[in-house]
Amino acid sequence: MDGFGTVDESVFPCGPGAPRAARTAVTDWLTHAVAPRLLDDMRLIVTELVTNSVRHAQLRAGDAITVRIRLAEHGLRLEVENPGTAGRITANGRAPQAGGGLGLQLVERLCMSWGVARDRDTTVWVEMEHYDPTR
């Protein structure tokens, strides 16, 4: 999808409060812009992606996690960016009984597409279709 416009962007300090703060921001940004089910999915996805940044990106104190929402007429793109570049970012294919490590599998099931961009930072993005609930 192209033609996305930026709805909002916030920066959160890396730490245990970042996932909740990001979830709150996404709720504030999207409550009146998308259907309730999509909002629920986006809250779950942003929580997972920011949690992964906090737990696995090998960030240091003072590092920041940026969350961005881009909205188009029929689509939505969420980006979570951090300065870490360590490790692989893949849905690991574990069975649910194995415990843990299922977050990106969940993201993969909920979104239309997702991916990773790495340059000097890491950005994990997801795209989803949405329709204005007022139409």
Protein backbone atom coordinates (compact mmCIF):
# COMPACT_ATOMS: atom_id res chain seq x y z
CA MET A 1 0.00 0.00 0.00
CA ASP A 2 1.24 3.46 -0.68
CA GLY A 3 -0.26 6.86 -0.11
CA PHE A 4 0.02 6.62 3.65
CA GLY A 5 -0.06 9.87 5.60
CA THR A 6 1.38 10.11 9.09
CA VAL A 7 -1.33 10.15 11.72
CA ASP A 8 1.02 10.37 14.67
CA GLU A 9 4.41 9.49 16.07
CA SER A 10 5.68 9.23 19.63
CA VAL A 11 9.00 8.34 21.21
CA PHE A 12 9.16 6.25 24.37
CA PRO A 13 12.16 5.59 26.60
CA CYS A 14 13.23 1.96 26.51
CA GLY A 15 12.03 0.26 29.66
CA PRO A 16 9.25 -1.81 31.17
CA GLY A 17 6.71 1.01 30.79
CA ALA A 18 7.22 1.44 27.04
CA PRO A 19 4.72 -1.21 25.86
CA ARG A 20 1.90 0.23 27.95
CA ALA A 21 2.72 3.80 26.90
CA ALA A 22 2.75 2.78 23.23
CA ARG A 23 -0.56 0.93 23.60
CA THR A 24 -2.12 4.02 25.18
CA ALA A 25 -0.82 6.23 22.36
CA VAL A 26 -2.22 3.90 19.67
CA THR A 27 -5.56 3.88 21.48
CA ASP A 28 -5.61 7.69 21.57
CA TRP A 29 -4.66 7.97 17.89
CA LEU A 30 -7.04 5.37 16.47
CA THR A 31 -10.14 5.25 18.70
CA HIS A 32 -12.24 7.34 16.32
CA ALA A 33 -10.43 6.38 13.11
CA VAL A 34 -10.89 2.60 12.88
CA ALA A 35 -13.37 -0.12 13.83
CA PRO A 36 -13.11 -1.46 17.41
CA ARG A 37 -11.83 -4.88 16.32
CA LEU A 38 -8.98 -3.33 14.32
CA LEU A 39 -8.15 -1.09 17.27
CA ASP A 40 -7.94 -4.18 19.51
CA ASP A 41 -5.62 -5.88 17.00
CA MET A 42 -3.42 -2.78 16.73
CA ARG A 43 -3.11 -2.51 20.51
CA LEU A 44 -2.04 -6.14 20.71
CA ILE A 45 0.44 -5.76 17.85
CA VAL A 46 2.06 -2.56 19.16
CA THR A 47 2.37 -4.13 22.61
CA GLU A 48 4.13 -7.15 21.13
CA LEU A 49 6.49 -5.16 18.90
CA VAL A 50 7.48 -2.67 21.60
CA THR A 51 7.94 -5.51 24.11
CA ASN A 52 10.24 -7.22 21.62
CA SER A 53 12.24 -4.00 21.29
CA VAL A 54 12.61 -3.76 25.06
CA ARG A 55 13.49 -7.43 25.56
CA HIS A 56 15.49 -8.40 22.48
CA ALA A 57 17.00 -5.36 20.74
CA GLN A 58 19.89 -5.02 23.20
CA LEU A 59 19.05 -1.38 23.80
CA ARG A 60 20.91 0.69 26.35
CA ALA A 61 19.64 3.07 28.99
CA GLY A 62 18.63 6.25 27.24
CA ASP A 63 17.74 4.53 23.96
CA ALA A 64 14.32 5.33 22.56
CA ILE A 65 11.61 3.39 20.77
CA THR A 66 9.60 5.29 18.16
CA VAL A 67 6.05 4.26 17.29
CA ARG A 68 4.50 5.63 14.11
CA ILE A 69 1.03 5.20 12.62
CA ARG A 70 0.39 5.97 8.98
CA LEU A 71 -3.19 5.97 7.80
CA ALA A 72 -4.61 5.87 4.28
CA GLU A 73 -8.19 5.64 3.07
CA HIS A 74 -8.33 1.85 3.31
CA GLY A 75 -5.07 0.94 5.02
CA LEU A 76 -3.04 1.35 8.13
CA ARG A 77 0.70 1.00 8.69
CA LEU A 78 2.27 0.72 12.14
CA GLU A 79 6.04 1.11 12.53
CA VAL A 80 8.11 0.41 15.63
CA GLU A 81 11.69 1.69 15.35
CA ASN A 82 14.62 1.28 17.70
CA PRO A 83 18.39 1.82 17.44
CA GLY A 84 19.19 -1.86 17.98
CA THR A 85 20.38 -4.03 15.12
CA ALA A 86 21.13 -7.29 16.94
CA GLY A 87 19.53 -10.64 16.25
CA ARG A 88 17.11 -12.02 13.72
CA ILE A 89 13.48 -10.94 13.64
CA THR A 90 11.38 -13.88 12.47
CA ALA A 91 8.23 -15.72 13.48
CA ASN A 92 9.88 -18.76 15.04
CA GLY A 93 7.33 -21.46 14.21
CA ARG A 94 7.26 -22.86 17.74
CA ALA A 95 4.26 -24.83 18.89
CA PRO A 96 2.08 -23.01 21.45
CA GLN A 97 2.86 -25.74 24.00
CA ALA A 98 6.55 -24.73 23.91
CA GLY A 99 5.73 -21.51 25.75
CA GLY A 100 6.98 -18.05 24.81
CA GLY A 101 8.28 -16.79 21.49
CA LEU A 102 4.88 -16.70 19.80
CA GLY A 103 4.46 -12.94 19.45
CA LEU A 104 5.53 -12.57 15.83
CA GLN A 105 3.40 -15.56 14.86
CA LEU A 106 0.45 -13.68 16.34
CA VAL A 107 1.46 -10.50 14.49
CA GLU A 108 1.73 -12.50 11.26
CA ARG A 109 -1.79 -13.91 11.71
CA LEU A 110 -3.38 -10.55 12.51
CA CYS A 111 -1.87 -8.35 9.81
CA MET A 112 -2.06 -8.26 6.04
CA SER A 113 1.74 -8.02 5.73
CA TRP A 114 4.72 -7.27 7.91
CA GLY A 115 8.44 -6.88 7.57
CA VAL A 116 11.69 -5.51 8.89
CA ALA A 117 13.83 -2.67 7.59
CA ARG A 118 17.37 -2.37 8.89
CA ASP A 119 19.73 0.43 8.15
CA ARG A 120 21.33 2.21 11.07
CA ASP A 121 18.15 1.41 13.08
CA THR A 122 15.62 -1.41 13.04
CA THR A 123 12.02 -0.80 12.01
CA VAL A 124 9.41 -3.53 12.23
CA TRP A 125 6.28 -2.61 10.31
CA VAL A 126 2.83 -4.08 9.81
CA GLU A 127 0.12 -3.19 7.33
CA MET A 128 -3.57 -3.82 7.74
CA GLU A 129 -6.70 -3.00 5.83
CA HIS A 130 -9.31 -0.90 7.56
CA TYR A 131 -12.60 0.67 6.73
CA ASP A 132 -14.03 3.75 8.36
CA PRO A 133 -16.74 2.50 10.75
CA THR A 134 -18.86 5.59 10.07
CA ARG A 135 -19.40 4.71 6.37
